[in-house]
PDB file of N, CA and C in Angstrom:
ATOM      1  N   MET A   1     -18.361   9.390 -22.666  1.00  0.00           N
ATOM      2  CA  MET A   1     -17.244  10.538 -22.692  1.00  0.00           C
ATOM      3  C   MET A   1     -16.062   9.722 -22.355  1.00  0.00           C
ATOM      4  N   ASN A   2     -14.926   9.914 -22.993  1.00  0.00           N
ATOM      5  CA  ASN A   2     -13.715   9.561 -22.595  1.00  0.00           C
ATOM      6  C   ASN A   2     -12.983  10.413 -21.779  1.00  0.00           C
ATOM      7  N   HIS A   3     -12.287   9.974 -20.607  1.00  0.00           N
ATOM      8  CA  HIS A   3     -11.451  10.581 -19.762  1.00  0.00           C
ATOM      9  C   HIS A   3     -10.177  10.179 -20.027  1.00  0.00           C
ATOM     10  N   PRO A   4      -9.200  11.121 -20.139  1.00  0.00           N
ATOM     11  CA  PRO A   4      -7.764  10.704 -20.456  1.00  0.00           C
ATOM     12  C   PRO A   4      -7.080   9.989 -19.134  1.00  0.00           C
ATOM     13  N   ALA A   5      -6.534   9.081 -19.393  1.00  0.00           N
ATOM     14  CA  ALA A   5      -5.881   8.280 -18.085  1.00  0.00           C
ATOM     15  C   ALA A   5      -4.890   9.325 -17.234  1.00  0.00           C
ATOM     16  N   PRO A   6      -5.109   9.110 -15.914  1.00  0.00           N
ATOM     17  CA  PRO A   6      -4.159   9.946 -15.015  1.00  0.00           C
ATOM     18  C   PRO A   6      -2.761   9.707 -15.446  1.00  0.00           C
ATOM     19  N   THR A   7      -1.944  10.756 -15.402  1.00  0.00           N
ATOM     20  CA  THR A   7      -0.425  10.678 -15.708  1.00  0.00           C
ATOM     21  C   THR A   7       0.289  10.113 -14.404  1.00  0.00           C
ATOM     22  N   PHE A   8       1.377   9.665 -14.495  1.00  0.00           N
ATOM     23  CA  PHE A   8       1.959   9.004 -13.486  1.00  0.00           C
ATOM     24  C   PHE A   8       1.885   9.862 -11.965  1.00  0.00           C
ATOM     25  N   ASN A   9       2.064  11.128 -12.122  1.00  0.00           N
ATOM     26  CA  ASN A   9       2.294  11.892 -10.946  1.00  0.00           C
ATOM     27  C   ASN A   9       0.874  12.033 -10.245  1.00  0.00           C
ATOM     28  N   GLN A  10      -0.233  11.758 -11.137  1.00  0.00           N
ATOM     29  CA  GLN A  10      -1.443  12.033 -10.752  1.00  0.00           C
ATOM     30  C   GLN A  10      -2.227  10.664 -10.168  1.00  0.00           C
ATOM     31  N   MET A  11      -1.398   9.601 -10.346  1.00  0.00           N
ATOM     32  CA  MET A  11      -1.900   8.374  -9.759  1.00  0.00           C
ATOM     33  C   MET A  11      -1.846   8.360  -8.214  1.00  0.00           C
ATOM     34  N   PRO A  12      -2.656   7.669  -7.330  1.00  0.00           N
ATOM     35  CA  PRO A  12      -2.739   7.826  -6.041  1.00  0.00           C
ATOM     36  C   PRO A  12      -1.689   6.779  -5.585  1.00  0.00           C
ATOM     37  N   ARG A  13      -1.057   7.129  -4.390  1.00  0.00           N
ATOM     38  CA  ARG A  13      -0.077   6.411  -3.781  1.00  0.00           C
ATOM     39  C   ARG A  13      -0.599   5.815  -2.489  1.00  0.00           C
ATOM     40  N   TYR A  14      -0.359   4.548  -2.055  1.00  0.00           N
ATOM     41  CA  TYR A  14      -0.915   4.012  -1.026  1.00  0.00           C
ATOM     42  C   TYR A  14       0.179   3.326   0.018  1.00  0.00           C
ATOM     43  N   VAL A  15      -0.014   3.383   1.359  1.00  0.00           N
ATOM     44  CA  VAL A  15       0.969   2.916   2.321  1.00  0.00           C
ATOM     45  C   VAL A  15       0.221   1.971   3.275  1.00  0.00           C
ATOM     46  N   ARG A  16       0.768   1.038   3.284  1.00  0.00           N
ATOM     47  CA  ARG A  16       0.366  -0.158   4.553  1.00  0.00           C
ATOM     48  C   ARG A  16       1.448  -0.411   5.474  1.00  0.00           C
ATOM     49  N   VAL A  17       1.315   0.092   6.774  1.00  0.00           N
ATOM     50  CA  VAL A  17       2.189  -0.224   7.655  1.00  0.00           C
ATOM     51  C   VAL A  17       2.150  -1.491   8.355  1.00  0.00           C
ATOM     52  N   ARG A  18       3.344  -2.184   8.357  1.00  0.00           N
ATOM     53  CA  ARG A  18       3.442  -3.610   8.733  1.00  0.00           C
ATOM     54  C   ARG A  18       4.068  -3.681  10.173  1.00  0.00           C
ATOM     55  N   SER A  19       4.815  -2.657  10.535  1.00  0.00           N
ATOM     56  CA  SER A  19       5.535  -2.781  11.694  1.00  0.00           C
ATOM     57  C   SER A  19       4.765  -2.317  12.932  1.00  0.00           C
ATOM     58  N   GLY A  20       5.060  -2.668  14.183  1.00  0.00           N
ATOM     59  CA  GLY A  20       4.538  -2.286  15.417  1.00  0.00           C
ATOM     60  C   GLY A  20       5.007  -0.683  15.635  1.00  0.00           C
ATOM     61  N   ALA A  21       4.316  -0.121  16.784  1.00  0.00           N
ATOM     62  CA  ALA A  21       4.577   1.301  17.050  1.00  0.00           C
ATOM     63  C   ALA A  21       5.749   1.177  17.731  1.00  0.00           C
ATOM     64  N   ASP A  22       6.377   0.434  18.385  1.00  0.00           N
ATOM     65  CA  ASP A  22       7.550   0.457  19.021  1.00  0.00           C
ATOM     66  C   ASP A  22       8.836  -0.067  18.554  1.00  0.00           C
ATOM     67  N   ASN A  23       8.766  -0.340  17.155  1.00  0.00           N
ATOM     68  CA  ASN A  23       9.785  -0.679  16.267  1.00  0.00           C
ATOM     69  C   ASN A  23      10.654   0.527  16.036  1.00  0.00           C
ATOM     70  N   PRO A  24      11.908   0.507  15.917  1.00  0.00           N
ATOM     71  CA  PRO A  24      12.778   1.712  15.831  1.00  0.00           C
ATOM     72  C   PRO A  24      12.864   2.133  14.191  1.00  0.00           C
ATOM     73  N   PHE A  25      12.295   1.146  13.415  1.00  0.00           N
ATOM     74  CA  PHE A  25      12.061   1.296  11.875  1.00  0.00           C
ATOM     75  C   PHE A  25      10.624   1.107  11.404  1.00  0.00           C
ATOM     76  N   ILE A  26      10.163   1.832  10.427  1.00  0.00           N
ATOM     77  CA  ILE A  26       8.990   1.736   9.932  1.00  0.00           C
ATOM     78  C   ILE A  26       8.942   0.709   8.881  1.00  0.00           C
ATOM     79  N   GLU A  27       8.409  -0.528   8.953  1.00  0.00           N
ATOM     80  CA  GLU A  27       8.152  -1.382   7.592  1.00  0.00           C
ATOM     81  C   GLU A  27       6.966  -1.267   7.099  1.00  0.00           C
ATOM     82  N   PHE A  28       6.849  -1.027   5.825  1.00  0.00           N
ATOM     83  CA  PHE A  28       5.672  -0.648   5.051  1.00  0.00           C
ATOM     84  C   PHE A  28       5.578  -1.198   3.724  1.00  0.00           C
ATOM     85  N   ASP A  29       4.356  -1.222   2.977  1.00  0.00           N
ATOM     86  CA  ASP A  29       4.219  -1.548   1.567  1.00  0.00           C
ATOM     87  C   ASP A  29       3.760  -0.246   1.078  1.00  0.00           C
ATOM     88  N   PHE A  30       4.341  -0.045  -0.209  1.00  0.00           N
ATOM     89  CA  PHE A  30       4.019   1.125  -0.991  1.00  0.00           C
ATOM     90  C   PHE A  30       3.661   0.935  -2.376  1.00  0.00           C
ATOM     91  N   ALA A  31       2.606   1.480  -2.690  1.00  0.00           N
ATOM     92  CA  ALA A  31       1.965   1.014  -4.043  1.00  0.00           C
ATOM     93  C   ALA A  31       1.741   2.547  -4.789  1.00  0.00           C
ATOM     94  N   ILE A  32       1.890   2.507  -6.069  1.00  0.00           N
ATOM     95  CA  ILE A  32       1.308   3.579  -7.128  1.00  0.00           C
ATOM     96  C   ILE A  32       0.379   3.029  -7.935  1.00  0.00           C
ATOM     97  N   GLY A  33      -0.828   3.813  -7.733  1.00  0.00           N
ATOM     98  CA  GLY A  33      -1.909   3.467  -8.847  1.00  0.00           C
ATOM     99  C   GLY A  33      -2.737   2.171  -8.317  1.00  0.00           C
ATOM    100  N   TYR A  34      -1.995   1.186  -8.115  1.00  0.00           N
ATOM    101  CA  TYR A  34      -2.728  -0.076  -7.721  1.00  0.00           C
ATOM    102  C   TYR A  34      -2.229  -0.709  -6.387  1.00  0.00           C
ATOM    103  N   PRO A  35      -3.159  -0.699  -5.271  1.00  0.00           N
ATOM    104  CA  PRO A  35      -2.766  -0.940  -3.933  1.00  0.00           C
ATOM    105  C   PRO A  35      -2.379  -2.302  -3.945  1.00  0.00           C
ATOM    106  N   ASP A  36      -2.619  -3.173  -4.878  1.00  0.00           N
ATOM    107  CA  ASP A  36      -2.286  -4.732  -4.667  1.00  0.00           C
ATOM    108  C   ASP A  36      -1.046  -5.002  -5.384  1.00  0.00           C
ATOM    109  N   LEU A  37      -0.359  -3.968  -6.058  1.00  0.00           N
ATOM    110  CA  LEU A  37       0.850  -4.029  -6.554  1.00  0.00           C
ATOM    111  C   LEU A  37       2.012  -3.280  -5.846  1.00  0.00           C
ATOM    112  N   PHE A  38       2.769  -3.709  -4.937  1.00  0.00           N
ATOM    113  CA  PHE A  38       3.481  -3.037  -4.017  1.00  0.00           C
ATOM    114  C   PHE A  38       4.952  -3.492  -3.690  1.00  0.00           C
ATOM    115  N   VAL A  39       5.508  -2.597  -3.212  1.00  0.00           N
ATOM    116  CA  VAL A  39       7.064  -2.916  -2.844  1.00  0.00           C
ATOM    117  C   VAL A  39       7.086  -2.927  -1.279  1.00  0.00           C
ATOM    118  N   GLU A  40       7.917  -3.659  -0.440  1.00  0.00           N
ATOM    119  CA  GLU A  40       8.239  -3.607   0.532  1.00  0.00           C
ATOM    120  C   GLU A  40       9.359  -2.592   0.995  1.00  0.00           C
ATOM    121  N   LEU A  41       9.022  -1.385   1.925  1.00  0.00           N
ATOM    122  CA  LEU A  41      10.306  -0.754   2.168  1.00  0.00           C
ATOM    123  C   LEU A  41      10.472  -0.621   3.666  1.00  0.00           C
ATOM    124  N   VAL A  42      11.631  -0.103   4.134  1.00  0.00           N
ATOM    125  CA  VAL A  42      11.867   0.103   5.554  1.00  0.00           C
ATOM    126  C   VAL A  42      12.557   1.519   5.650  1.00  0.00           C
ATOM    127  N   MET A  43      12.093   2.429   6.729  1.00  0.00           N
ATOM    128  CA  MET A  43      12.679   3.569   6.728  1.00  0.00           C
ATOM    129  C   MET A  43      12.737   4.113   8.411  1.00  0.00           C
ATOM    130  N   PRO A  44      13.489   4.902   8.838  1.00  0.00           N
ATOM    131  CA  PRO A  44      13.371   5.559  10.047  1.00  0.00           C
ATOM    132  C   PRO A  44      12.113   6.264  10.126  1.00  0.00           C
ATOM    133  N   PRO A  45      11.489   6.440  11.366  1.00  0.00           N
ATOM    134  CA  PRO A  45      10.348   7.387  11.409  1.00  0.00           C
ATOM    135  C   PRO A  45      10.280   8.507  10.795  1.00  0.00           C
ATOM    136  N   ASP A  46      11.169   9.501  11.045  1.00  0.00           N
ATOM    137  CA  ASP A  46      11.270  10.609  10.429  1.00  0.00           C
ATOM    138  C   ASP A  46      11.458  10.757   8.748  1.00  0.00           C
ATOM    139  N   ALA A  47      12.022   9.624   8.166  1.00  0.00           N
ATOM    140  CA  ALA A  47      12.119   9.496   6.753  1.00  0.00           C
ATOM    141  C   ALA A  47      10.669   8.977   6.332  1.00  0.00           C
ATOM    142  N   PHE A  48      10.164   8.233   7.035  1.00  0.00           N
ATOM    143  CA  PHE A  48       8.860   7.787   6.582  1.00  0.00           C
ATOM    144  C   PHE A  48       7.837   8.908   6.600  1.00  0.00           C
ATOM    145  N   ARG A  49       7.854   9.743   7.677  1.00  0.00           N
ATOM    146  CA  ARG A  49       6.974  10.996   7.659  1.00  0.00           C
ATOM    147  C   ARG A  49       7.023  11.985   6.401  1.00  0.00           C
ATOM    148  N   ILE A  50       8.400  12.047   6.014  1.00  0.00           N
ATOM    149  CA  ILE A  50       8.750  12.870   4.835  1.00  0.00           C
ATOM    150  C   ILE A  50       8.300  12.264   3.577  1.00  0.00           C
ATOM    151  N   PHE A  51       8.515  11.021   3.553  1.00  0.00           N
ATOM    152  CA  PHE A  51       8.200  10.236   2.271  1.00  0.00           C
ATOM    153  C   PHE A  51       6.616  10.207   2.124  1.00  0.00           C
ATOM    154  N   CYS A  52       5.803   9.994   3.244  1.00  0.00           N
ATOM    155  CA  CYS A  52       4.675   9.973   3.011  1.00  0.00           C
ATOM    156  C   CYS A  52       3.995  11.431   2.547  1.00  0.00           C
ATOM    157  N   ARG A  53       4.652  12.614   3.184  1.00  0.00           N
ATOM    158  CA  ARG A  53       4.074  13.720   2.845  1.00  0.00           C
ATOM    159  C   ARG A  53       4.309  14.163   1.420  1.00  0.00           C
ATOM    160  N   VAL A  54       5.773  13.880   0.893  1.00  0.00           N
ATOM    161  CA  VAL A  54       6.172  14.227  -0.464  1.00  0.00           C
ATOM    162  C   VAL A  54       5.353  13.468  -1.380  1.00  0.00           C
ATOM    163  N   ASN A  55       4.996  12.148  -0.986  1.00  0.00           N
ATOM    164  CA  ASN A  55       4.191  11.275  -1.998  1.00  0.00           C
ATOM    165  C   ASN A  55       2.554  11.342  -1.841  1.00  0.00           C
ATOM    166  N   ARG A  56       2.346  12.210  -0.864  1.00  0.00           N
ATOM    167  CA  ARG A  56       0.819  12.508  -0.663  1.00  0.00           C
ATOM    168  C   ARG A  56       0.047  11.055  -0.640  1.00  0.00           C
ATOM    169  N   VAL A  57       0.592  10.242   0.346  1.00  0.00           N
ATOM    170  CA  VAL A  57       0.046   8.898   0.261  1.00  0.00           C
ATOM    171  C   VAL A  57      -1.464   8.682   1.056  1.00  0.00           C
ATOM    172  N   GLN A  58      -1.934   7.802   0.853  1.00  0.00           N
ATOM    173  CA  GLN A  58      -3.321   7.363   1.302  1.00  0.00           C
ATOM    174  C   GLN A  58      -2.907   6.131   2.235  1.00  0.00           C
ATOM    175  N   HIS A  59      -3.206   6.277   3.534  1.00  0.00           N
ATOM    176  CA  HIS A  59      -2.848   5.038   4.295  1.00  0.00           C
ATOM    177  C   HIS A  59      -4.196   3.952   4.169  1.00  0.00           C
ATOM    178  N   MET A  60      -3.873   2.819   3.762  1.00  0.00           N
ATOM    179  CA  MET A  60      -4.894   1.927   3.605  1.00  0.00           C
ATOM    180  C   MET A  60      -5.527   1.588   4.811  1.00  0.00           C
ATOM    181  N   ASP A  61      -6.892   1.338   4.770  1.00  0.00           N
ATOM    182  CA  ASP A  61      -7.730   1.121   6.062  1.00  0.00           C
ATOM    183  C   ASP A  61      -7.903  -0.437   6.131  1.00  0.00           C
ATOM    184  N   SER A  62      -8.346  -0.959   7.251  1.00  0.00           N
ATOM    185  CA  SER A  62      -8.277  -2.422   7.309  1.00  0.00           C
ATOM    186  C   SER A  62      -9.176  -3.212   6.347  1.00  0.00           C
ATOM    187  N   ALA A  63     -10.117  -2.594   5.694  1.00  0.00           N
ATOM    188  CA  ALA A  63     -11.062  -3.119   4.524  1.00  0.00           C
ATOM    189  C   ALA A  63     -10.196  -3.334   3.434  1.00  0.00           C
ATOM    190  N   MET A  64      -9.312  -2.382   3.163  1.00  0.00           N
ATOM    191  CA  MET A  64      -8.579  -2.442   1.768  1.00  0.00           C
ATOM    192  C   MET A  64      -7.416  -3.493   1.974  1.00  0.00           C
ATOM    193  N   ALA A  65      -6.922  -3.502   3.226  1.00  0.00           N
ATOM    194  CA  ALA A  65      -5.758  -4.301   3.526  1.00  0.00           C
ATOM    195  C   ALA A  65      -6.310  -6.012   3.519  1.00  0.00           C
ATOM    196  N   GLU A  66      -7.455  -6.158   3.945  1.00  0.00           N
ATOM    197  CA  GLU A  66      -8.071  -7.487   4.134  1.00  0.00           C
ATOM    198  C   GLU A  66      -8.393  -7.939   2.690  1.00  0.00           C
ATOM    199  N   ALA A  67      -8.929  -6.957   1.732  1.00  0.00           N
ATOM    200  CA  ALA A  67      -9.231  -7.342   0.448  1.00  0.00           C
ATOM    201  C   ALA A  67      -7.825  -7.871  -0.314  1.00  0.00           C
ATOM    202  N   ILE A  68      -6.815  -7.006  -0.243  1.00  0.00           N
ATOM    203  CA  ILE A  68      -5.579  -7.442  -0.852  1.00  0.00           C
ATOM    204  C   ILE A  68      -4.957  -8.690  -0.259  1.00  0.00           C
ATOM    205  N   ASP A  69      -5.114  -9.062   1.037  1.00  0.00           N
ATOM    206  CA  ASP A  69      -4.635 -10.150   1.823  1.00  0.00           C
ATOM    207  C   ASP A  69      -5.475 -11.326   1.112  1.00  0.00           C
ATOM    208  N   ALA A  70      -6.735 -11.243   0.991  1.00  0.00           N
ATOM    209  CA  ALA A  70      -7.715 -12.174   0.545  1.00  0.00           C
ATOM    210  C   ALA A  70      -7.287 -12.689  -0.934  1.00  0.00           C
ATOM    211  N   ASP A  71      -6.935 -11.576  -1.771  1.00  0.00           N
ATOM    212  CA  ASP A  71      -6.682 -11.803  -3.117  1.00  0.00           C
ATOM    213  C   ASP A  71      -5.175 -12.452  -3.264  1.00  0.00           C
ATOM    214  N   MET A  72      -4.462 -12.047  -2.282  1.00  0.00           N
ATOM    215  CA  MET A  72      -3.135 -12.754  -2.115  1.00  0.00           C
ATOM    216  C   MET A  72      -3.132 -14.283  -1.838  1.00  0.00           C
ATOM    217  N   ARG A  73      -3.995 -14.723  -0.919  1.00  0.00           N
ATOM    218  CA  ARG A  73      -4.176 -15.954  -0.435  1.00  0.00           C
ATOM    219  C   ARG A  73      -4.872 -16.828  -1.743  1.00  0.00           C
ATOM    220  N   LYS A  74      -5.616 -16.141  -2.450  1.00  0.00           N
ATOM    221  CA  LYS A  74      -6.401 -16.846  -3.566  1.00  0.00           C
ATOM    222  C   LYS A  74      -5.214 -17.226  -4.423  1.00  0.00           C
ATOM    223  N   TRP A  75      -4.289 -16.344  -4.971  1.00  0.00           N
ATOM    224  CA  TRP A  75      -3.312 -16.532  -5.837  1.00  0.00           C
ATOM    225  C   TRP A  75      -2.186 -17.571  -5.305  1.00  0.00           C
ATOM    226  N   ARG A  76      -1.797 -17.173  -3.965  1.00  0.00           N
ATOM    227  CA  ARG A  76      -0.802 -18.086  -3.495  1.00  0.00           C
ATOM    228  C   ARG A  76      -1.279 -19.651  -3.311  1.00  0.00           C
ATOM    229  N   TYR A  77      -2.491 -19.785  -2.582  1.00  0.00           N
ATOM    230  CA  TYR A  77      -2.951 -21.093  -2.161  1.00  0.00           C
ATOM    231  C   TYR A  77      -4.096 -21.772  -3.042  1.00  0.00           C
ATOM    232  N   GLY A  78      -4.652 -20.999  -3.875  1.00  0.00           N
ATOM    233  CA  GLY A  78      -5.717 -21.571  -4.817  1.00  0.00           C
ATOM    234  C   GLY A  78      -7.177 -21.540  -3.857  1.00  0.00           C
ATOM    235  N   GLU A  79      -7.296 -20.569  -2.901  1.00  0.00           N
ATOM    236  CA  GLU A  79      -8.378 -20.636  -2.270  1.00  0.00           C
ATOM    237  C   GLU A  79      -9.154 -19.355  -2.560  1.00  0.00           C
ATOM    238  N   GLY A  80     -10.577 -19.522  -2.389  1.00  0.00           N
ATOM    239  CA  GLY A  80     -11.322 -18.467  -2.939  1.00  0.00           C
ATOM    240  C   GLY A  80     -11.265 -17.300  -1.960  1.00  0.00           C
ATOM    241  N   ALA A  81     -11.385 -16.087  -2.437  1.00  0.00           N
ATOM    242  CA  ALA A  81     -11.141 -14.850  -1.708  1.00  0.00           C
ATOM    243  C   ALA A  81     -12.138 -14.656  -0.448  1.00  0.00           C
ATOM    244  N   ASP A  82     -13.124 -15.213  -0.737  1.00  0.00           N
ATOM    245  CA  ASP A  82     -14.298 -15.245   0.426  1.00  0.00           C
ATOM    246  C   ASP A  82     -14.217 -16.536   1.173  1.00  0.00           C
ATOM    247  N   ASP A  83     -13.404 -17.472   1.088  1.00  0.00           N
ATOM    248  CA  ASP A  83     -13.304 -18.978   1.883  1.00  0.00           C
ATOM    249  C   ASP A  83     -12.868 -18.445   3.237  1.00  0.00           C
TER     250      ASP A  83
END
């Protein structure tokens, strides 16, 4: 059975916060559809909360973040993802 591909608005959105809790701005990665294809953004905390609510984001957990980091190391340095 073929299922239609999700539309752009149906694609999941992912956020990975990079900054510390005491920073005056939130530095984060934002991805649509594919968590490993992201842009880096910076916003004040109130704007970040609104952004997350409007985009219905999923916050990346540590396992998802580590998998993305391992894949980036593989492509950047030629190392295996599980080295």
